Amino acid sequence: MRGGWLYIVTNKPNGILYVGVTSDIRRRAWEHREGVVEGFTKRYGLKMLVHVEQYDDIETAIQRETTIKHWPRAWKANIILAANPTWRDLYDDLN
């Protein structure tokens, strides 16, 4: 999986949201699930991967992350609902 990934993790359906970007979505999603990295997502238990977008290059993914981070929460929830209406954890789909 080359390029870049924008992703959103949460602690529960319609819960706290975190928008991130990575070049290795499998590794990063695992880090969130296992709580191996200190910070916001570990503090609030954000382990469910509920949205992913793949990009050909990391710069495009970073630009998309910057844009989405400035959106109101309702807009972020809407992009999750459009592709994942049940807020299903997408982690197992990565393997």
PDB file of N, CA and C in Angstrom:
ATOM      1  N   MET A   1       0.844  -1.176   0.000  1.00  0.00           N
ATOM      2  CA  MET A   1       0.000   0.000   0.000  1.00  0.00           C
ATOM      3  C   MET A   1       0.892   1.242   0.000  1.00  0.00           C
ATOM      4  N   ARG A   2       1.083   1.813  -1.144  1.00  0.00           N
ATOM      5  CA  ARG A   2       1.950   2.970  -1.283  1.00  0.00           C
ATOM      6  C   ARG A   2       1.138   4.248  -1.231  1.00  0.00           C
ATOM      7  N   GLY A   3       1.839   5.358  -1.169  1.00  0.00           N
ATOM      8  CA  GLY A   3       1.162   6.644  -1.155  1.00  0.00           C
ATOM      9  C   GLY A   3       0.832   7.076   0.249  1.00  0.00           C
ATOM     10  N   GLY A   4      -0.327   7.673   0.403  1.00  0.00           N
ATOM     11  CA  GLY A   4      -0.729   8.188   1.701  1.00  0.00           C
ATOM     12  C   GLY A   4      -2.165   7.844   2.013  1.00  0.00           C
ATOM     13  N   TRP A   5      -2.475   7.863   3.284  1.00  0.00           N
ATOM     14  CA  TRP A   5      -3.806   7.533   3.766  1.00  0.00           C
ATOM     15  C   TRP A   5      -4.288   8.604   4.726  1.00  0.00           C
ATOM     16  N   LEU A   6      -5.502   9.050   4.546  1.00  0.00           N
ATOM     17  CA  LEU A   6      -6.199   9.858   5.534  1.00  0.00           C
ATOM     18  C   LEU A   6      -7.090   8.875   6.283  1.00  0.00           C
ATOM     19  N   TYR A   7      -7.190   9.031   7.596  1.00  0.00           N
ATOM     20  CA  TYR A   7      -8.036   8.114   8.356  1.00  0.00           C
ATOM     21  C   TYR A   7      -8.707   8.854   9.501  1.00  0.00           C
ATOM     22  N   ILE A   8      -9.795   8.267   9.975  1.00  0.00           N
ATOM     23  CA  ILE A   8     -10.492   8.783  11.151  1.00  0.00           C
ATOM     24  C   ILE A   8     -10.690   7.621  12.109  1.00  0.00           C
ATOM     25  N   VAL A   9     -10.320   7.855  13.379  1.00  0.00           N
ATOM     26  CA  VAL A   9     -10.565   6.873  14.437  1.00  0.00           C
ATOM     27  C   VAL A   9     -11.491   7.494  15.473  1.00  0.00           C
ATOM     28  N   THR A  10     -12.172   6.624  16.212  1.00  0.00           N
ATOM     29  CA  THR A  10     -13.113   7.057  17.241  1.00  0.00           C
ATOM     30  C   THR A  10     -13.103   6.060  18.394  1.00  0.00           C
ATOM     31  N   ASN A  11     -13.775   6.421  19.464  1.00  0.00           N
ATOM     32  CA  ASN A  11     -13.883   5.519  20.615  1.00  0.00           C
ATOM     33  C   ASN A  11     -15.198   4.729  20.601  1.00  0.00           C
ATOM     34  N   LYS A  12     -16.197   5.226  19.871  1.00  0.00           N
ATOM     35  CA  LYS A  12     -17.492   4.550  19.764  1.00  0.00           C
ATOM     36  C   LYS A  12     -18.271   5.226  18.635  1.00  0.00           C
ATOM     37  N   PRO A  13     -19.322   4.603  18.131  1.00  0.00           N
ATOM     38  CA  PRO A  13     -20.117   5.264  17.095  1.00  0.00           C
ATOM     39  C   PRO A  13     -20.562   6.653  17.552  1.00  0.00           C
ATOM     40  N   ASN A  14     -20.331   7.614  16.710  1.00  0.00           N
ATOM     41  CA  ASN A  14     -20.677   9.010  16.971  1.00  0.00           C
ATOM     42  C   ASN A  14     -19.956   9.572  18.202  1.00  0.00           C
ATOM     43  N   GLY A  15     -18.765   9.033  18.479  1.00  0.00           N
ATOM     44  CA  GLY A  15     -17.984   9.473  19.631  1.00  0.00           C
ATOM     45  C   GLY A  15     -16.955  10.532  19.253  1.00  0.00           C
ATOM     46  N   ILE A  16     -15.883  10.571  20.029  1.00  0.00           N
ATOM     47  CA  ILE A  16     -14.788  11.508  19.779  1.00  0.00           C
ATOM     48  C   ILE A  16     -14.099  11.117  18.478  1.00  0.00           C
ATOM     49  N   LEU A  17     -13.748  12.097  17.648  1.00  0.00           N
ATOM     50  CA  LEU A  17     -13.117  11.832  16.362  1.00  0.00           C
ATOM     51  C   LEU A  17     -11.689  12.350  16.335  1.00  0.00           C
ATOM     52  N   TYR A  18     -10.825  11.599  15.662  1.00  0.00           N
ATOM     53  CA  TYR A  18      -9.455  12.030  15.412  1.00  0.00           C
ATOM     54  C   TYR A  18      -9.164  11.798  13.947  1.00  0.00           C
ATOM     55  N   VAL A  19      -8.681  12.821  13.269  1.00  0.00           N
ATOM     56  CA  VAL A  19      -8.314  12.744  11.854  1.00  0.00           C
ATOM     57  C   VAL A  19      -6.798  12.687  11.779  1.00  0.00           C
ATOM     58  N   GLY A  20      -6.280  11.706  11.043  1.00  0.00           N
ATOM     59  CA  GLY A  20      -4.835  11.563  10.917  1.00  0.00           C
ATOM     60  C   GLY A  20      -4.436  11.201   9.502  1.00  0.00           C
ATOM     61  N   VAL A  21      -3.136  11.159   9.291  1.00  0.00           N
ATOM     62  CA  VAL A  21      -2.580  10.797   7.992  1.00  0.00           C
ATOM     63  C   VAL A  21      -1.365   9.907   8.222  1.00  0.00           C
ATOM     64  N   THR A  22      -1.144   8.975   7.309  1.00  0.00           N
ATOM     65  CA  THR A  22      -0.027   8.040   7.437  1.00  0.00           C
ATOM     66  C   THR A  22       0.346   7.496   6.061  1.00  0.00           C
ATOM     67  N   SER A  23       1.551   6.974   5.981  1.00  0.00           N
ATOM     68  CA  SER A  23       1.951   6.277   4.760  1.00  0.00           C
ATOM     69  C   SER A  23       1.765   4.766   4.917  1.00  0.00           C
ATOM     70  N   ASP A  24       1.480   4.305   6.134  1.00  0.00           N
ATOM     71  CA  ASP A  24       1.303   2.877   6.416  1.00  0.00           C
ATOM     72  C   ASP A  24       0.060   2.692   7.297  1.00  0.00           C
ATOM     73  N   ILE A  25      -1.087   2.536   6.660  1.00  0.00           N
ATOM     74  CA  ILE A  25      -2.356   2.493   7.382  1.00  0.00           C
ATOM     75  C   ILE A  25      -2.458   1.276   8.294  1.00  0.00           C
ATOM     76  N   ARG A  26      -1.936   0.142   7.889  1.00  0.00           N
ATOM     77  CA  ARG A  26      -2.011  -1.055   8.744  1.00  0.00           C
ATOM     78  C   ARG A  26      -1.257  -0.832  10.054  1.00  0.00           C
ATOM     79  N   ARG A  27      -0.042  -0.332   9.957  1.00  0.00           N
ATOM     80  CA  ARG A  27       0.770  -0.095  11.145  1.00  0.00           C
ATOM     81  C   ARG A  27       0.129   0.951  12.041  1.00  0.00           C
ATOM     82  N   ARG A  28      -0.328   2.046  11.444  1.00  0.00           N
ATOM     83  CA  ARG A  28      -0.884   3.147  12.237  1.00  0.00           C
ATOM     84  C   ARG A  28      -2.183   2.736  12.924  1.00  0.00           C
ATOM     85  N   ALA A  29      -3.048   2.007  12.223  1.00  0.00           N
ATOM     86  CA  ALA A  29      -4.295   1.533  12.834  1.00  0.00           C
ATOM     87  C   ALA A  29      -3.991   0.586  13.991  1.00  0.00           C
ATOM     88  N   TRP A  30      -2.985  -0.277  13.827  1.00  0.00           N
ATOM     89  CA  TRP A  30      -2.574  -1.179  14.903  1.00  0.00           C
ATOM     90  C   TRP A  30      -2.081  -0.380  16.103  1.00  0.00           C
ATOM     91  N   GLU A  31      -1.280   0.657  15.860  1.00  0.00           N
ATOM     92  CA  GLU A  31      -0.781   1.502  16.954  1.00  0.00           C
ATOM     93  C   GLU A  31      -1.927   2.128  17.744  1.00  0.00           C
ATOM     94  N   HIS A  32      -2.953   2.589  17.050  1.00  0.00           N
ATOM     95  CA  HIS A  32      -4.115   3.158  17.745  1.00  0.00           C
ATOM     96  C   HIS A  32      -4.833   2.085  18.557  1.00  0.00           C
ATOM     97  N   ARG A  33      -5.045   0.921  17.968  1.00  0.00           N
ATOM     98  CA  ARG A  33      -5.758  -0.166  18.662  1.00  0.00           C
ATOM     99  C   ARG A  33      -5.029  -0.615  19.921  1.00  0.00           C
ATOM    100  N   GLU A  34      -3.722  -0.677  19.836  1.00  0.00           N
ATOM    101  CA  GLU A  34      -2.921  -1.177  20.946  1.00  0.00           C
ATOM    102  C   GLU A  34      -2.517  -0.085  21.933  1.00  0.00           C
ATOM    103  N   GLY A  35      -2.720   1.178  21.572  1.00  0.00           N
ATOM    104  CA  GLY A  35      -2.375   2.281  22.451  1.00  0.00           C
ATOM    105  C   GLY A  35      -0.888   2.415  22.710  1.00  0.00           C
ATOM    106  N   VAL A  36      -0.067   2.120  21.713  1.00  0.00           N
ATOM    107  CA  VAL A  36       1.386   2.125  21.898  1.00  0.00           C
ATOM    108  C   VAL A  36       2.018   3.509  21.798  1.00  0.00           C
ATOM    109  N   VAL A  37       1.281   4.478  21.285  1.00  0.00           N
ATOM    110  CA  VAL A  37       1.816   5.835  21.143  1.00  0.00           C
ATOM    111  C   VAL A  37       1.058   6.758  22.096  1.00  0.00           C
ATOM    112  N   GLU A  38       1.811   7.474  22.921  1.00  0.00           N
ATOM    113  CA  GLU A  38       1.196   8.428  23.849  1.00  0.00           C
ATOM    114  C   GLU A  38       0.542   9.565  23.077  1.00  0.00           C
ATOM    115  N   GLY A  39      -0.524  10.117  23.625  1.00  0.00           N
ATOM    116  CA  GLY A  39      -1.152  11.276  23.017  1.00  0.00           C
ATOM    117  C   GLY A  39      -2.663  11.238  23.103  1.00  0.00           C
ATOM    118  N   PHE A  40      -3.281  12.071  22.287  1.00  0.00           N
ATOM    119  CA  PHE A  40      -4.721  12.270  22.299  1.00  0.00           C
ATOM    120  C   PHE A  40      -5.490  10.967  22.111  1.00  0.00           C
ATOM    121  N   THR A  41      -5.115  10.174  21.107  1.00  0.00           N
ATOM    122  CA  THR A  41      -5.893   8.971  20.808  1.00  0.00           C
ATOM    123  C   THR A  41      -5.786   7.935  21.920  1.00  0.00           C
ATOM    124  N   LYS A  42      -4.629   7.819  22.545  1.00  0.00           N
ATOM    125  CA  LYS A  42      -4.486   6.882  23.667  1.00  0.00           C
ATOM    126  C   LYS A  42      -5.261   7.397  24.878  1.00  0.00           C
ATOM    127  N   ARG A  43      -5.147   8.687  25.152  1.00  0.00           N
ATOM    128  CA  ARG A  43      -5.819   9.283  26.316  1.00  0.00           C
ATOM    129  C   ARG A  43      -7.323   9.068  26.265  1.00  0.00           C
ATOM    130  N   TYR A  44      -7.916   9.170  25.070  1.00  0.00           N
ATOM    131  CA  TYR A  44      -9.369   9.059  24.938  1.00  0.00           C
ATOM    132  C   TYR A  44      -9.835   7.711  24.391  1.00  0.00           C
ATOM    133  N   GLY A  45      -8.928   6.765  24.247  1.00  0.00           N
ATOM    134  CA  GLY A  45      -9.305   5.417  23.830  1.00  0.00           C
ATOM    135  C   GLY A  45      -9.855   5.335  22.421  1.00  0.00           C
ATOM    136  N   LEU A  46      -9.272   6.083  21.502  1.00  0.00           N
ATOM    137  CA  LEU A  46      -9.742   6.088  20.112  1.00  0.00           C
ATOM    138  C   LEU A  46      -9.082   4.933  19.369  1.00  0.00           C
ATOM    139  N   LYS A  47      -9.801   3.822  19.257  1.00  0.00           N
ATOM    140  CA  LYS A  47      -9.240   2.596  18.698  1.00  0.00           C
ATOM    141  C   LYS A  47      -9.953   2.095  17.452  1.00  0.00           C
ATOM    142  N   MET A  48     -11.136   2.617  17.191  1.00  0.00           N
ATOM    143  CA  MET A  48     -11.938   2.140  16.054  1.00  0.00           C
ATOM    144  C   MET A  48     -11.623   2.946  14.797  1.00  0.00           C
ATOM    145  N   LEU A  49     -11.144   2.260  13.770  1.00  0.00           N
ATOM    146  CA  LEU A  49     -10.890   2.877  12.471  1.00  0.00           C
ATOM    147  C   LEU A  49     -12.211   2.906  11.704  1.00  0.00           C
ATOM    148  N   VAL A  50     -12.772   4.102  11.498  1.00  0.00           N
ATOM    149  CA  VAL A  50     -14.106   4.185  10.889  1.00  0.00           C
ATOM    150  C   VAL A  50     -14.115   4.820   9.507  1.00  0.00           C
ATOM    151  N   HIS A  51     -12.978   5.383   9.086  1.00  0.00           N
ATOM    152  CA  HIS A  51     -12.936   5.986   7.749  1.00  0.00           C
ATOM    153  C   HIS A  51     -11.506   5.980   7.238  1.00  0.00           C
ATOM    154  N   VAL A  52     -11.337   5.619   5.961  1.00  0.00           N
ATOM    155  CA  VAL A  52     -10.027   5.685   5.305  1.00  0.00           C
ATOM    156  C   VAL A  52     -10.194   6.210   3.885  1.00  0.00           C
ATOM    157  N   GLU A  53      -9.206   6.960   3.455  1.00  0.00           N
ATOM    158  CA  GLU A  53      -9.128   7.435   2.072  1.00  0.00           C
ATOM    159  C   GLU A  53      -7.690   7.235   1.620  1.00  0.00           C
ATOM    160  N   GLN A  54      -7.508   6.594   0.480  1.00  0.00           N
ATOM    161  CA  GLN A  54      -6.162   6.343  -0.047  1.00  0.00           C
ATOM    162  C   GLN A  54      -5.828   7.369  -1.122  1.00  0.00           C
ATOM    163  N   TYR A  55      -4.568   7.830  -1.103  1.00  0.00           N
ATOM    164  CA  TYR A  55      -4.080   8.805  -2.081  1.00  0.00           C
ATOM    165  C   TYR A  55      -2.778   8.310  -2.687  1.00  0.00           C
ATOM    166  N   ASP A  56      -2.511   8.732  -3.910  1.00  0.00           N
ATOM    167  CA  ASP A  56      -1.304   8.301  -4.614  1.00  0.00           C
ATOM    168  C   ASP A  56      -0.027   8.819  -3.978  1.00  0.00           C
ATOM    169  N   ASP A  57      -0.116   9.965  -3.300  1.00  0.00           N
ATOM    170  CA  ASP A  57       1.074  10.512  -2.654  1.00  0.00           C
ATOM    171  C   ASP A  57       0.705  11.090  -1.292  1.00  0.00           C
ATOM    172  N   ILE A  58       1.668  11.100  -0.408  1.00  0.00           N
ATOM    173  CA  ILE A  58       1.447  11.541   0.966  1.00  0.00           C
ATOM    174  C   ILE A  58       1.080  13.018   1.032  1.00  0.00           C
ATOM    175  N   GLU A  59       1.601  13.829   0.126  1.00  0.00           N
ATOM    176  CA  GLU A  59       1.304  15.256   0.147  1.00  0.00           C
ATOM    177  C   GLU A  59      -0.184  15.526  -0.044  1.00  0.00           C
ATOM    178  N   THR A  60      -0.818  14.777  -0.919  1.00  0.00           N
ATOM    179  CA  THR A  60      -2.258  14.935  -1.143  1.00  0.00           C
ATOM    180  C   THR A  60      -3.037  14.512   0.102  1.00  0.00           C
ATOM    181  N   ALA A  61      -2.600  13.432   0.740  1.00  0.00           N
ATOM    182  CA  ALA A  61      -3.257  12.980   1.965  1.00  0.00           C
ATOM    183  C   ALA A  61      -3.114  14.027   3.071  1.00  0.00           C
ATOM    184  N   ILE A  62      -1.943  14.643   3.180  1.00  0.00           N
ATOM    185  CA  ILE A  62      -1.719  15.684   4.192  1.00  0.00           C
ATOM    186  C   ILE A  62      -2.599  16.894   3.918  1.00  0.00           C
ATOM    187  N   GLN A  63      -2.729  17.269   2.661  1.00  0.00           N
ATOM    188  CA  GLN A  63      -3.588  18.400   2.302  1.00  0.00           C
ATOM    189  C   GLN A  63      -5.043  18.111   2.669  1.00  0.00           C
ATOM    190  N   ARG A  64      -5.499  16.900   2.404  1.00  0.00           N
ATOM    191  CA  ARG A  64      -6.875  16.503   2.738  1.00  0.00           C
ATOM    192  C   ARG A  64      -7.068  16.504   4.265  1.00  0.00           C
ATOM    193  N   GLU A  65      -6.083  16.010   5.004  1.00  0.00           N
ATOM    194  CA  GLU A  65      -6.164  16.012   6.465  1.00  0.00           C
ATOM    195  C   GLU A  65      -6.298  17.439   6.990  1.00  0.00           C
ATOM    196  N   THR A  66      -5.476  18.338   6.481  1.00  0.00           N
ATOM    197  CA  THR A  66      -5.518  19.736   6.912  1.00  0.00           C
ATOM    198  C   THR A  66      -6.891  20.336   6.661  1.00  0.00           C
ATOM    199  N   THR A  67      -7.460  20.041   5.514  1.00  0.00           N
ATOM    200  CA  THR A  67      -8.793  20.542   5.167  1.00  0.00           C
ATOM    201  C   THR A  67      -9.845  19.997   6.133  1.00  0.00           C
ATOM    202  N   ILE A  68      -9.862  18.683   6.320  1.00  0.00           N
ATOM    203  CA  ILE A  68     -10.890  18.049   7.149  1.00  0.00           C
ATOM    204  C   ILE A  68     -10.768  18.464   8.610  1.00  0.00           C
ATOM    205  N   LYS A  69      -9.563  18.658   9.097  1.00  0.00           N
ATOM    206  CA  LYS A  69      -9.390  19.063  10.500  1.00  0.00           C
ATOM    207  C   LYS A  69     -10.053  20.406  10.792  1.00  0.00           C
ATOM    208  N   HIS A  70     -10.240  21.224   9.777  1.00  0.00           N
ATOM    209  CA  HIS A  70     -10.892  22.522   9.962  1.00  0.00           C
ATOM    210  C   HIS A  70     -12.413  22.455   9.784  1.00  0.00           C
ATOM    211  N   TRP A  71     -12.925  21.319   9.391  1.00  0.00           N
ATOM    212  CA  TRP A  71     -14.362  21.151   9.200  1.00  0.00           C
ATOM    213  C   TRP A  71     -15.072  21.061  10.539  1.00  0.00           C
ATOM    214  N   PRO A  72     -16.354  21.441  10.566  1.00  0.00           N
ATOM    215  CA  PRO A  72     -17.172  21.182  11.761  1.00  0.00           C
ATOM    216  C   PRO A  72     -17.316  19.668  11.976  1.00  0.00           C
ATOM    217  N   ARG A  73     -17.537  19.290  13.205  1.00  0.00           N
ATOM    218  CA  ARG A  73     -17.673  17.879  13.538  1.00  0.00           C
ATOM    219  C   ARG A  73     -18.753  17.181  12.713  1.00  0.00           C
ATOM    220  N   ALA A  74     -19.868  17.853  12.494  1.00  0.00           N
ATOM    221  CA  ALA A  74     -20.976  17.259  11.737  1.00  0.00           C
ATOM    222  C   ALA A  74     -20.543  16.869  10.323  1.00  0.00           C
ATOM    223  N   TRP A  75     -19.696  17.658   9.696  1.00  0.00           N
ATOM    224  CA  TRP A  75     -19.216  17.329   8.351  1.00  0.00           C
ATOM    225  C   TRP A  75     -18.342  16.083   8.383  1.00  0.00           C
ATOM    226  N   LYS A  76     -17.497  15.974   9.415  1.00  0.00           N
ATOM    227  CA  LYS A  76     -16.656  14.783   9.554  1.00  0.00           C
ATOM    228  C   LYS A  76     -17.536  13.551   9.745  1.00  0.00           C
ATOM    229  N   ALA A  77     -18.548  13.668  10.589  1.00  0.00           N
ATOM    230  CA  ALA A  77     -19.474  12.551  10.807  1.00  0.00           C
ATOM    231  C   ALA A  77     -20.177  12.171   9.510  1.00  0.00           C
ATOM    232  N   ASN A  78     -20.520  13.148   8.698  1.00  0.00           N
ATOM    233  CA  ASN A  78     -21.203  12.868   7.431  1.00  0.00           C
ATOM    234  C   ASN A  78     -20.337  12.075   6.462  1.00  0.00           C
ATOM    235  N   ILE A  79     -19.021  12.339   6.417  1.00  0.00           N
ATOM    236  CA  ILE A  79     -18.200  11.544   5.494  1.00  0.00           C
ATOM    237  C   ILE A  79     -18.055  10.111   6.014  1.00  0.00           C
ATOM    238  N   ILE A  80     -18.080   9.939   7.318  1.00  0.00           N
ATOM    239  CA  ILE A  80     -18.067   8.582   7.874  1.00  0.00           C
ATOM    240  C   ILE A  80     -19.376   7.883   7.521  1.00  0.00           C
ATOM    241  N   LEU A  81     -20.490   8.542   7.771  1.00  0.00           N
ATOM    242  CA  LEU A  81     -21.805   7.950   7.515  1.00  0.00           C
ATOM    243  C   LEU A  81     -22.019   7.598   6.044  1.00  0.00           C
ATOM    244  N   ALA A  82     -21.451   8.395   5.142  1.00  0.00           N
ATOM    245  CA  ALA A  82     -21.628   8.141   3.705  1.00  0.00           C
ATOM    246  C   ALA A  82     -21.016   6.799   3.291  1.00  0.00           C
ATOM    247  N   ALA A  83     -19.872   6.454   3.856  1.00  0.00           N
ATOM    248  CA  ALA A  83     -19.195   5.219   3.464  1.00  0.00           C
ATOM    249  C   ALA A  83     -19.331   4.103   4.491  1.00  0.00           C
ATOM    250  N   ASN A  84     -19.673   4.448   5.730  1.00  0.00           N
ATOM    251  CA  ASN A  84     -19.705   3.472   6.823  1.00  0.00           C
ATOM    252  C   ASN A  84     -20.857   3.831   7.772  1.00  0.00           C
ATOM    253  N   PRO A  85     -22.103   3.670   7.324  1.00  0.00           N
ATOM    254  CA  PRO A  85     -23.248   4.142   8.111  1.00  0.00           C
ATOM    255  C   PRO A  85     -23.418   3.481   9.476  1.00  0.00           C
ATOM    256  N   THR A  86     -22.842   2.303   9.685  1.00  0.00           N
ATOM    257  CA  THR A  86     -22.957   1.638  10.982  1.00  0.00           C
ATOM    258  C   THR A  86     -21.747   1.903  11.886  1.00  0.00           C
ATOM    259  N   TRP A  87     -20.819   2.719  11.425  1.00  0.00           N
ATOM    260  CA  TRP A  87     -19.600   3.034  12.173  1.00  0.00           C
ATOM    261  C   TRP A  87     -18.823   1.757  12.510  1.00  0.00           C
ATOM    262  N   ARG A  88     -18.819   0.819  11.580  1.00  0.00           N
ATOM    263  CA  ARG A  88     -18.113  -0.449  11.760  1.00  0.00           C
ATOM    264  C   ARG A  88     -16.606  -0.205  11.799  1.00  0.00           C
ATOM    265  N   ASP A  89     -15.895  -0.940  12.657  1.00  0.00           N
ATOM    266  CA  ASP A  89     -14.440  -0.848  12.726  1.00  0.00           C
ATOM    267  C   ASP A  89     -13.866  -1.484  11.466  1.00  0.00           C
ATOM    268  N   LEU A  90     -13.111  -0.720  10.694  1.00  0.00           N
ATOM    269  CA  LEU A  90     -12.588  -1.173   9.408  1.00  0.00           C
ATOM    270  C   LEU A  90     -11.218  -1.857   9.518  1.00  0.00           C
ATOM    271  N   TYR A  91     -10.712  -1.999  10.710  1.00  0.00           N
ATOM    272  CA  TYR A  91      -9.369  -2.539  10.906  1.00  0.00           C
ATOM    273  C   TYR A  91      -9.193  -3.902  10.216  1.00  0.00           C
ATOM    274  N   ASP A  92     -10.123  -4.814  10.406  1.00  0.00           N
ATOM    275  CA  ASP A  92      -9.984  -6.151   9.816  1.00  0.00           C
ATOM    276  C   ASP A  92     -10.011  -6.127   8.298  1.00  0.00           C
ATOM    277  N   ASP A  93     -10.573  -5.083   7.705  1.00  0.00           N
ATOM    278  CA  ASP A  93     -10.600  -4.966   6.248  1.00  0.00           C
ATOM    279  C   ASP A  93      -9.219  -4.654   5.675  1.00  0.00           C
ATOM    280  N   LEU A  94      -8.294  -4.215   6.503  1.00  0.00           N
ATOM    281  CA  LEU A  94      -6.958  -3.834   6.024  1.00  0.00           C
ATOM    282  C   LEU A  94      -6.084  -5.049   5.734  1.00  0.00           C
ATOM    283  N   ASN A  95      -6.400  -6.186   6.311  1.00  0.00           N
ATOM    284  CA  ASN A  95      -5.551  -7.383   6.148  1.00  0.00           C
ATOM    285  C   ASN A  95      -5.862  -8.162   4.918  1.00  0.00           C
TER     286      ASN A  95
END
